[in-house]
Amino acid sequence: MNSPEPAVRTAPNFSPARRIAVAVILSGLVFAVLWIMMFSMVTSLLIGSGCCVVIVAASSVSDLIDMLLDAVATVIFGALAVIAAIFGAIFSLFGF
């Protein structure tokens, strides 16, 4: 008999060091592709480093937005739960 799957799955833990390492690898690939395509070395380095900065900045902003949306959702669902509890109490008072 198979054991049941856990009800709660933990979110993957992406550390900043891992994000930066992935961004550096991707920007290195962009640099290599551009240099092979006969761009100058300086132009390729500038574009590759720009890709690295954009990836790291987007990842950081994404985490901030995710945290803010979680907080807003908690407040909204808490308010809806209070309203539902009030309606439930009113309807149970009259025996519906």
PDB file of N, CA and C in Angstrom:
ATOM      1  N   MET A   1       0.840  -1.171   0.000  1.00  0.00           N
ATOM      2  CA  MET A   1       0.000   0.000   0.000  1.00  0.00           C
ATOM      3  C   MET A   1       0.891   1.242   0.000  1.00  0.00           C
ATOM      4  N   ASN A   2       0.540   2.189  -0.823  1.00  0.00           N
ATOM      5  CA  ASN A   2       1.336   3.408  -0.940  1.00  0.00           C
ATOM      6  C   ASN A   2       0.999   4.378   0.178  1.00  0.00           C
ATOM      7  N   SER A   3       2.016   5.069   0.651  1.00  0.00           N
ATOM      8  CA  SER A   3       1.770   6.079   1.671  1.00  0.00           C
ATOM      9  C   SER A   3       1.179   7.324   1.010  1.00  0.00           C
ATOM     10  N   PRO A   4       0.309   8.042   1.699  1.00  0.00           N
ATOM     11  CA  PRO A   4      -0.303   9.226   1.090  1.00  0.00           C
ATOM     12  C   PRO A   4       0.724  10.336   0.892  1.00  0.00           C
ATOM     13  N   GLU A   5       0.479  11.152  -0.123  1.00  0.00           N
ATOM     14  CA  GLU A   5       1.371  12.275  -0.388  1.00  0.00           C
ATOM     15  C   GLU A   5       1.143  13.355   0.661  1.00  0.00           C
ATOM     16  N   PRO A   6       2.174  14.094   1.004  1.00  0.00           N
ATOM     17  CA  PRO A   6       1.987  15.176   1.982  1.00  0.00           C
ATOM     18  C   PRO A   6       1.042  16.241   1.427  1.00  0.00           C
ATOM     19  N   ALA A   7       0.200  16.782   2.308  1.00  0.00           N
ATOM     20  CA  ALA A   7      -0.792  17.770   1.891  1.00  0.00           C
ATOM     21  C   ALA A   7      -0.141  19.106   1.569  1.00  0.00           C
ATOM     22  N   VAL A   8       0.928  19.417   2.265  1.00  0.00           N
ATOM     23  CA  VAL A   8       1.585  20.705   2.064  1.00  0.00           C
ATOM     24  C   VAL A   8       2.913  20.477   1.365  1.00  0.00           C
ATOM     25  N   ARG A   9       3.096  21.153   0.261  1.00  0.00           N
ATOM     26  CA  ARG A   9       4.379  21.073  -0.444  1.00  0.00           C
ATOM     27  C   ARG A   9       5.154  22.337  -0.144  1.00  0.00           C
ATOM     28  N   THR A  10       6.400  22.157   0.172  1.00  0.00           N
ATOM     29  CA  THR A  10       7.219  23.320   0.479  1.00  0.00           C
ATOM     30  C   THR A  10       7.621  24.018  -0.812  1.00  0.00           C
ATOM     31  N   ALA A  11       7.699  25.323  -0.754  1.00  0.00           N
ATOM     32  CA  ALA A  11       8.127  26.102  -1.915  1.00  0.00           C
ATOM     33  C   ALA A  11       9.623  25.896  -2.127  1.00  0.00           C
ATOM     34  N   PRO A  12      10.051  25.852  -3.377  1.00  0.00           N
ATOM     35  CA  PRO A  12      11.488  25.690  -3.617  1.00  0.00           C
ATOM     36  C   PRO A  12      12.262  26.876  -3.064  1.00  0.00           C
ATOM     37  N   ASN A  13      13.406  26.568  -2.501  1.00  0.00           N
ATOM     38  CA  ASN A  13      14.212  27.605  -1.865  1.00  0.00           C
ATOM     39  C   ASN A  13      15.281  28.073  -2.840  1.00  0.00           C
ATOM     40  N   PHE A  14      15.059  29.251  -3.441  1.00  0.00           N
ATOM     41  CA  PHE A  14      16.022  29.821  -4.368  1.00  0.00           C
ATOM     42  C   PHE A  14      16.791  30.907  -3.638  1.00  0.00           C
ATOM     43  N   SER A  15      18.029  30.621  -3.335  1.00  0.00           N
ATOM     44  CA  SER A  15      18.843  31.600  -2.629  1.00  0.00           C
ATOM     45  C   SER A  15      19.352  32.646  -3.614  1.00  0.00           C
ATOM     46  N   PRO A  16      19.708  33.828  -3.103  1.00  0.00           N
ATOM     47  CA  PRO A  16      20.253  34.864  -4.002  1.00  0.00           C
ATOM     48  C   PRO A  16      21.531  34.419  -4.711  1.00  0.00           C
ATOM     49  N   ALA A  17      22.340  33.617  -4.041  1.00  0.00           N
ATOM     50  CA  ALA A  17      23.577  33.149  -4.676  1.00  0.00           C
ATOM     51  C   ALA A  17      23.261  32.264  -5.889  1.00  0.00           C
ATOM     52  N   ARG A  18      22.237  31.444  -5.766  1.00  0.00           N
ATOM     53  CA  ARG A  18      21.852  30.576  -6.877  1.00  0.00           C
ATOM     54  C   ARG A  18      21.318  31.410  -8.044  1.00  0.00           C
ATOM     55  N   ARG A  19      20.522  32.432  -7.728  1.00  0.00           N
ATOM     56  CA  ARG A  19      19.988  33.302  -8.780  1.00  0.00           C
ATOM     57  C   ARG A  19      21.116  34.028  -9.511  1.00  0.00           C
ATOM     58  N   ILE A  20      22.067  34.539  -8.744  1.00  0.00           N
ATOM     59  CA  ILE A  20      23.178  35.257  -9.356  1.00  0.00           C
ATOM     60  C   ILE A  20      24.019  34.309 -10.211  1.00  0.00           C
ATOM     61  N   ALA A  21      24.238  33.089  -9.723  1.00  0.00           N
ATOM     62  CA  ALA A  21      25.020  32.116 -10.488  1.00  0.00           C
ATOM     63  C   ALA A  21      24.328  31.785 -11.812  1.00  0.00           C
ATOM     64  N   VAL A  22      23.024  31.593 -11.785  1.00  0.00           N
ATOM     65  CA  VAL A  22      22.287  31.302 -13.017  1.00  0.00           C
ATOM     66  C   VAL A  22      22.340  32.499 -13.958  1.00  0.00           C
ATOM     67  N   ALA A  23      22.199  33.699 -13.408  1.00  0.00           N
ATOM     68  CA  ALA A  23      22.255  34.902 -14.241  1.00  0.00           C
ATOM     69  C   ALA A  23      23.632  35.059 -14.884  1.00  0.00           C
ATOM     70  N   VAL A  24      24.690  34.765 -14.139  1.00  0.00           N
ATOM     71  CA  VAL A  24      26.046  34.870 -14.695  1.00  0.00           C
ATOM     72  C   VAL A  24      26.245  33.841 -15.805  1.00  0.00           C
ATOM     73  N   ILE A  25      25.741  32.637 -15.607  1.00  0.00           N
ATOM     74  CA  ILE A  25      25.868  31.607 -16.639  1.00  0.00           C
ATOM     75  C   ILE A  25      25.119  32.022 -17.902  1.00  0.00           C
ATOM     76  N   LEU A  26      23.883  32.519 -17.729  1.00  0.00           N
ATOM     77  CA  LEU A  26      23.107  32.942 -18.895  1.00  0.00           C
ATOM     78  C   LEU A  26      23.745  34.128 -19.605  1.00  0.00           C
ATOM     79  N   SER A  27      24.265  35.080 -18.844  1.00  0.00           N
ATOM     80  CA  SER A  27      24.912  36.221 -19.492  1.00  0.00           C
ATOM     81  C   SER A  27      26.206  35.793 -20.180  1.00  0.00           C
ATOM     82  N   GLY A  28      26.900  34.807 -19.629  1.00  0.00           N
ATOM     83  CA  GLY A  28      28.079  34.252 -20.300  1.00  0.00           C
ATOM     84  C   GLY A  28      27.719  33.593 -21.624  1.00  0.00           C
ATOM     85  N   LEU A  29      26.580  32.901 -21.647  1.00  0.00           N
ATOM     86  CA  LEU A  29      26.126  32.302 -22.906  1.00  0.00           C
ATOM     87  C   LEU A  29      25.755  33.375 -23.923  1.00  0.00           C
ATOM     88  N   VAL A  30      25.083  34.430 -23.469  1.00  0.00           N
ATOM     89  CA  VAL A  30      24.744  35.541 -24.373  1.00  0.00           C
ATOM     90  C   VAL A  30      26.024  36.159 -24.927  1.00  0.00           C
ATOM     91  N   PHE A  31      27.007  36.383 -24.044  1.00  0.00           N
ATOM     92  CA  PHE A  31      28.292  36.940 -24.487  1.00  0.00           C
ATOM     93  C   PHE A  31      28.949  36.047 -25.538  1.00  0.00           C
ATOM     94  N   ALA A  32      28.984  34.747 -25.276  1.00  0.00           N
ATOM     95  CA  ALA A  32      29.635  33.827 -26.210  1.00  0.00           C
ATOM     96  C   ALA A  32      28.929  33.813 -27.562  1.00  0.00           C
ATOM     97  N   VAL A  33      27.600  33.790 -27.550  1.00  0.00           N
ATOM     98  CA  VAL A  33      26.849  33.764 -28.807  1.00  0.00           C
ATOM     99  C   VAL A  33      27.085  35.051 -29.592  1.00  0.00           C
ATOM    100  N   LEU A  34      27.060  36.190 -28.908  1.00  0.00           N
ATOM    101  CA  LEU A  34      27.265  37.460 -29.610  1.00  0.00           C
ATOM    102  C   LEU A  34      28.694  37.589 -30.145  1.00  0.00           C
ATOM    103  N   TRP A  35      29.655  37.109 -29.389  1.00  0.00           N
ATOM    104  CA  TRP A  35      31.039  37.199 -29.834  1.00  0.00           C
ATOM    105  C   TRP A  35      31.275  36.292 -31.044  1.00  0.00           C
ATOM    106  N   ILE A  36      30.650  35.110 -31.024  1.00  0.00           N
ATOM    107  CA  ILE A  36      30.759  34.205 -32.168  1.00  0.00           C
ATOM    108  C   ILE A  36      30.098  34.826 -33.399  1.00  0.00           C
ATOM    109  N   MET A  37      29.032  35.606 -33.181  1.00  0.00           N
ATOM    110  CA  MET A  37      28.330  36.243 -34.300  1.00  0.00           C
ATOM    111  C   MET A  37      29.052  37.499 -34.791  1.00  0.00           C
ATOM    112  N   MET A  38      30.313  37.682 -34.387  1.00  0.00           N
ATOM    113  CA  MET A  38      31.197  38.733 -34.880  1.00  0.00           C
ATOM    114  C   MET A  38      30.886  40.128 -34.333  1.00  0.00           C
ATOM    115  N   PHE A  39      30.242  40.203 -33.180  1.00  0.00           N
ATOM    116  CA  PHE A  39      30.174  41.489 -32.506  1.00  0.00           C
ATOM    117  C   PHE A  39      31.542  41.744 -31.880  1.00  0.00           C
ATOM    118  N   SER A  40      31.823  42.965 -31.544  1.00  0.00           N
ATOM    119  CA  SER A  40      33.094  43.229 -30.876  1.00  0.00           C
ATOM    120  C   SER A  40      33.023  42.707 -29.449  1.00  0.00           C
ATOM    121  N   MET A  41      34.169  42.490 -28.848  1.00  0.00           N
ATOM    122  CA  MET A  41      34.214  41.941 -27.503  1.00  0.00           C
ATOM    123  C   MET A  41      33.572  42.895 -26.496  1.00  0.00           C
ATOM    124  N   VAL A  42      33.804  44.193 -26.632  1.00  0.00           N
ATOM    125  CA  VAL A  42      33.249  45.168 -25.690  1.00  0.00           C
ATOM    126  C   VAL A  42      31.726  45.194 -25.790  1.00  0.00           C
ATOM    127  N   THR A  43      31.197  45.198 -27.010  1.00  0.00           N
ATOM    128  CA  THR A  43      29.749  45.202 -27.201  1.00  0.00           C
ATOM    129  C   THR A  43      29.132  43.945 -26.623  1.00  0.00           C
ATOM    130  N   SER A  44      29.758  42.805 -26.850  1.00  0.00           N
ATOM    131  CA  SER A  44      29.244  41.545 -26.318  1.00  0.00           C
ATOM    132  C   SER A  44      29.262  41.541 -24.792  1.00  0.00           C
ATOM    133  N   LEU A  45      30.332  42.071 -24.195  1.00  0.00           N
ATOM    134  CA  LEU A  45      30.411  42.137 -22.733  1.00  0.00           C
ATOM    135  C   LEU A  45      29.334  43.060 -22.161  1.00  0.00           C
ATOM    136  N   LEU A  46      29.107  44.193 -22.803  1.00  0.00           N
ATOM    137  CA  LEU A  46      28.081  45.116 -22.313  1.00  0.00           C
ATOM    138  C   LEU A  46      26.688  44.499 -22.375  1.00  0.00           C
ATOM    139  N   ILE A  47      26.375  43.853 -23.468  1.00  0.00           N
ATOM    140  CA  ILE A  47      25.062  43.229 -23.606  1.00  0.00           C
ATOM    141  C   ILE A  47      24.922  42.065 -22.636  1.00  0.00           C
ATOM    142  N   GLY A  48      25.955  41.249 -22.478  1.00  0.00           N
ATOM    143  CA  GLY A  48      25.910  40.120 -21.544  1.00  0.00           C
ATOM    144  C   GLY A  48      25.746  40.566 -20.108  1.00  0.00           C
ATOM    145  N   SER A  49      26.486  41.593 -19.699  1.00  0.00           N
ATOM    146  CA  SER A  49      26.347  42.081 -18.321  1.00  0.00           C
ATOM    147  C   SER A  49      24.994  42.738 -18.106  1.00  0.00           C
ATOM    148  N   GLY A  50      24.455  43.386 -19.133  1.00  0.00           N
ATOM    149  CA  GLY A  50      23.113  43.954 -19.031  1.00  0.00           C
ATOM    150  C   GLY A  50      22.073  42.874 -18.824  1.00  0.00           C
ATOM    151  N   CYS A  51      22.224  41.742 -19.514  1.00  0.00           N
ATOM    152  CA  CYS A  51      21.302  40.612 -19.317  1.00  0.00           C
ATOM    153  C   CYS A  51      21.383  40.095 -17.889  1.00  0.00           C
ATOM    154  N   CYS A  52      22.596  40.017 -17.341  1.00  0.00           N
ATOM    155  CA  CYS A  52      22.784  39.541 -15.970  1.00  0.00           C
ATOM    156  C   CYS A  52      22.077  40.464 -14.981  1.00  0.00           C
ATOM    157  N   VAL A  53      22.237  41.759 -15.150  1.00  0.00           N
ATOM    158  CA  VAL A  53      21.609  42.727 -14.239  1.00  0.00           C
ATOM    159  C   VAL A  53      20.094  42.654 -14.341  1.00  0.00           C
ATOM    160  N   VAL A  54      19.579  42.539 -15.550  1.00  0.00           N
ATOM    161  CA  VAL A  54      18.125  42.469 -15.734  1.00  0.00           C
ATOM    162  C   VAL A  54      17.555  41.216 -15.091  1.00  0.00           C
ATOM    163  N   ILE A  55      18.227  40.086 -15.229  1.00  0.00           N
ATOM    164  CA  ILE A  55      17.728  38.836 -14.648  1.00  0.00           C
ATOM    165  C   ILE A  55      17.704  38.922 -13.122  1.00  0.00           C
ATOM    166  N   VAL A  56      18.773  39.418 -12.514  1.00  0.00           N
ATOM    167  CA  VAL A  56      18.831  39.504 -11.045  1.00  0.00           C
ATOM    168  C   VAL A  56      17.813  40.518 -10.533  1.00  0.00           C
ATOM    169  N   ALA A  57      17.678  41.665 -11.199  1.00  0.00           N
ATOM    170  CA  ALA A  57      16.716  42.684 -10.754  1.00  0.00           C
ATOM    171  C   ALA A  57      15.283  42.186 -10.886  1.00  0.00           C
ATOM    172  N   ALA A  58      14.975  41.514 -11.980  1.00  0.00           N
ATOM    173  CA  ALA A  58      13.619  40.994 -12.171  1.00  0.00           C
ATOM    174  C   ALA A  58      13.296  39.933 -11.135  1.00  0.00           C
ATOM    175  N   SER A  59      14.261  39.125 -10.779  1.00  0.00           N
ATOM    176  CA  SER A  59      14.040  38.098  -9.762  1.00  0.00           C
ATOM    177  C   SER A  59      13.760  38.727  -8.403  1.00  0.00           C
ATOM    178  N   SER A  60      14.495  39.776  -8.057  1.00  0.00           N
ATOM    179  CA  SER A  60      14.289  40.448  -6.774  1.00  0.00           C
ATOM    180  C   SER A  60      12.942  41.141  -6.726  1.00  0.00           C
ATOM    181  N   VAL A  61      12.576  41.817  -7.799  1.00  0.00           N
ATOM    182  CA  VAL A  61      11.279  42.502  -7.848  1.00  0.00           C
ATOM    183  C   VAL A  61      10.151  41.489  -7.814  1.00  0.00           C
ATOM    184  N   SER A  62      10.339  40.358  -8.469  1.00  0.00           N
ATOM    185  CA  SER A  62       9.317  39.311  -8.470  1.00  0.00           C
ATOM    186  C   SER A  62       9.047  38.812  -7.053  1.00  0.00           C
ATOM    187  N   ASP A  63      10.102  38.628  -6.254  1.00  0.00           N
ATOM    188  CA  ASP A  63       9.923  38.194  -4.873  1.00  0.00           C
ATOM    189  C   ASP A  63       9.168  39.233  -4.058  1.00  0.00           C
ATOM    190  N   LEU A  64       9.472  40.502  -4.269  1.00  0.00           N
ATOM    191  CA  LEU A  64       8.799  41.575  -3.549  1.00  0.00           C
ATOM    192  C   LEU A  64       7.313  41.612  -3.901  1.00  0.00           C
ATOM    193  N   ILE A  65       7.000  41.510  -5.179  1.00  0.00           N
ATOM    194  CA  ILE A  65       5.597  41.525  -5.607  1.00  0.00           C
ATOM    195  C   ILE A  65       4.866  40.300  -5.072  1.00  0.00           C
ATOM    196  N   ASP A  66       5.517  39.143  -5.087  1.00  0.00           N
ATOM    197  CA  ASP A  66       4.915  37.924  -4.553  1.00  0.00           C
ATOM    198  C   ASP A  66       4.592  38.084  -3.073  1.00  0.00           C
ATOM    199  N   MET A  67       5.502  38.670  -2.308  1.00  0.00           N
ATOM    200  CA  MET A  67       5.274  38.884  -0.884  1.00  0.00           C
ATOM    201  C   MET A  67       4.115  39.850  -0.653  1.00  0.00           C
ATOM    202  N   LEU A  68       4.061  40.936  -1.426  1.00  0.00           N
ATOM    203  CA  LEU A  68       2.974  41.907  -1.279  1.00  0.00           C
ATOM    204  C   LEU A  68       1.624  41.300  -1.645  1.00  0.00           C
ATOM    205  N   LEU A  69       1.573  40.522  -2.717  1.00  0.00           N
ATOM    206  CA  LEU A  69       0.316  39.888  -3.102  1.00  0.00           C
ATOM    207  C   LEU A  69      -0.154  38.877  -2.059  1.00  0.00           C
ATOM    208  N   ASP A  70       0.769  38.147  -1.451  1.00  0.00           N
ATOM    209  CA  ASP A  70       0.394  37.225  -0.382  1.00  0.00           C
ATOM    210  C   ASP A  70      -0.206  37.966   0.805  1.00  0.00           C
ATOM    211  N   ALA A  71       0.375  39.097   1.164  1.00  0.00           N
ATOM    212  CA  ALA A  71      -0.142  39.883   2.284  1.00  0.00           C
ATOM    213  C   ALA A  71      -1.530  40.435   1.978  1.00  0.00           C
ATOM    214  N   VAL A  72      -1.722  40.964   0.774  1.00  0.00           N
ATOM    215  CA  VAL A  72      -3.029  41.503   0.393  1.00  0.00           C
ATOM    216  C   VAL A  72      -4.077  40.390   0.350  1.00  0.00           C
ATOM    217  N   ALA A  73      -3.712  39.233  -0.192  1.00  0.00           N
ATOM    218  CA  ALA A  73      -4.654  38.109  -0.255  1.00  0.00           C
ATOM    219  C   ALA A  73      -5.054  37.650   1.139  1.00  0.00           C
ATOM    220  N   THR A  74      -4.112  37.647   2.067  1.00  0.00           N
ATOM    221  CA  THR A  74      -4.426  37.244   3.435  1.00  0.00           C
ATOM    222  C   THR A  74      -5.430  38.198   4.052  1.00  0.00           C
ATOM    223  N   VAL A  75      -5.251  39.485   3.865  1.00  0.00           N
ATOM    224  CA  VAL A  75      -6.180  40.474   4.424  1.00  0.00           C
ATOM    225  C   VAL A  75      -7.556  40.339   3.785  1.00  0.00           C
ATOM    226  N   ILE A  76      -7.614  40.202   2.463  1.00  0.00           N
ATOM    227  CA  ILE A  76      -8.905  40.110   1.775  1.00  0.00           C
ATOM    228  C   ILE A  76      -9.650  38.838   2.173  1.00  0.00           C
ATOM    229  N   PHE A  77      -8.960  37.710   2.189  1.00  0.00           N
ATOM    230  CA  PHE A  77      -9.626  36.469   2.556  1.00  0.00           C
ATOM    231  C   PHE A  77     -10.023  36.455   4.030  1.00  0.00           C
ATOM    232  N   GLY A  78      -9.251  37.133   4.881  1.00  0.00           N
ATOM    233  CA  GLY A  78      -9.640  37.263   6.281  1.00  0.00           C
ATOM    234  C   GLY A  78     -10.923  38.062   6.425  1.00  0.00           C
ATOM    235  N   ALA A  79     -11.043  39.149   5.671  1.00  0.00           N
ATOM    236  CA  ALA A  79     -12.271  39.957   5.713  1.00  0.00           C
ATOM    237  C   ALA A  79     -13.458  39.165   5.188  1.00  0.00           C
ATOM    238  N   LEU A  80     -13.257  38.416   4.118  1.00  0.00           N
ATOM    239  CA  LEU A  80     -14.350  37.588   3.593  1.00  0.00           C
ATOM    240  C   LEU A  80     -14.752  36.501   4.585  1.00  0.00           C
ATOM    241  N   ALA A  81     -13.795  35.959   5.313  1.00  0.00           N
ATOM    242  CA  ALA A  81     -14.111  34.944   6.316  1.00  0.00           C
ATOM    243  C   ALA A  81     -14.936  35.538   7.457  1.00  0.00           C
ATOM    244  N   VAL A  82     -14.614  36.757   7.862  1.00  0.00           N
ATOM    245  CA  VAL A  82     -15.389  37.426   8.915  1.00  0.00           C
ATOM    246  C   VAL A  82     -16.815  37.682   8.446  1.00  0.00           C
ATOM    247  N   ILE A  83     -16.971  38.155   7.205  1.00  0.00           N
ATOM    248  CA  ILE A  83     -18.309  38.398   6.664  1.00  0.00           C
ATOM    249  C   ILE A  83     -19.100  37.102   6.582  1.00  0.00           C
ATOM    250  N   ALA A  84     -18.457  36.026   6.131  1.00  0.00           N
ATOM    251  CA  ALA A  84     -19.139  34.730   6.056  1.00  0.00           C
ATOM    252  C   ALA A  84     -19.535  34.229   7.437  1.00  0.00           C
ATOM    253  N   ALA A  85     -18.693  34.457   8.435  1.00  0.00           N
ATOM    254  CA  ALA A  85     -19.022  34.037   9.797  1.00  0.00           C
ATOM    255  C   ALA A  85     -20.214  34.826  10.336  1.00  0.00           C
ATOM    256  N   ILE A  86     -20.274  36.116  10.021  1.00  0.00           N
ATOM    257  CA  ILE A  86     -21.410  36.935  10.474  1.00  0.00           C
ATOM    258  C   ILE A  86     -22.704  36.446   9.834  1.00  0.00           C
ATOM    259  N   PHE A  87     -22.687  36.216   8.515  1.00  0.00           N
ATOM    260  CA  PHE A  87     -23.887  35.705   7.849  1.00  0.00           C
ATOM    261  C   PHE A  87     -24.267  34.324   8.380  1.00  0.00           C
ATOM    262  N   GLY A  88     -23.277  33.487   8.640  1.00  0.00           N
ATOM    263  CA  GLY A  88     -23.560  32.166   9.205  1.00  0.00           C
ATOM    264  C   GLY A  88     -24.208  32.261  10.569  1.00  0.00           C
ATOM    265  N   ALA A  89     -23.737  33.185  11.388  1.00  0.00           N
ATOM    266  CA  ALA A  89     -24.334  33.364  12.713  1.00  0.00           C
ATOM    267  C   ALA A  89     -25.757  33.891  12.597  1.00  0.00           C
ATOM    268  N   ILE A  90     -26.009  34.821  11.680  1.00  0.00           N
ATOM    269  CA  ILE A  90     -27.367  35.361  11.505  1.00  0.00           C
ATOM    270  C   ILE A  90     -28.313  34.273  11.027  1.00  0.00           C
ATOM    271  N   PHE A  91     -27.894  33.486  10.041  1.00  0.00           N
ATOM    272  CA  PHE A  91     -28.776  32.439   9.526  1.00  0.00           C
ATOM    273  C   PHE A  91     -28.990  31.330  10.539  1.00  0.00           C
ATOM    274  N   SER A  92     -27.989  31.017  11.359  1.00  0.00           N
ATOM    275  CA  SER A  92     -28.190  29.975  12.362  1.00  0.00           C
ATOM    276  C   SER A  92     -29.087  30.473  13.499  1.00  0.00           C
ATOM    277  N   LEU A  93     -29.128  31.768  13.713  1.00  0.00           N
ATOM    278  CA  LEU A  93     -29.988  32.353  14.738  1.00  0.00           C
ATOM    279  C   LEU A  93     -31.454  32.169  14.369  1.00  0.00           C
ATOM    280  N   PHE A  94     -31.788  32.289  13.091  1.00  0.00           N
ATOM    281  CA  PHE A  94     -33.171  32.156  12.646  1.00  0.00           C
ATOM    282  C   PHE A  94     -33.512  30.735  12.207  1.00  0.00           C
ATOM    283  N   GLY A  95     -32.585  29.839  12.236  1.00  0.00           N
ATOM    284  CA  GLY A  95     -32.850  28.416  11.950  1.00  0.00           C
ATOM    285  C   GLY A  95     -32.953  28.073  10.491  1.00  0.00           C
ATOM    286  N   PHE A  96     -32.315  28.815   9.600  1.00  0.00           N
ATOM    287  CA  PHE A  96     -32.355  28.498   8.168  1.00  0.00           C
ATOM    288  C   PHE A  96     -31.497  27.344   7.860  1.00  0.00           C
TER     289      PHE A  96
END
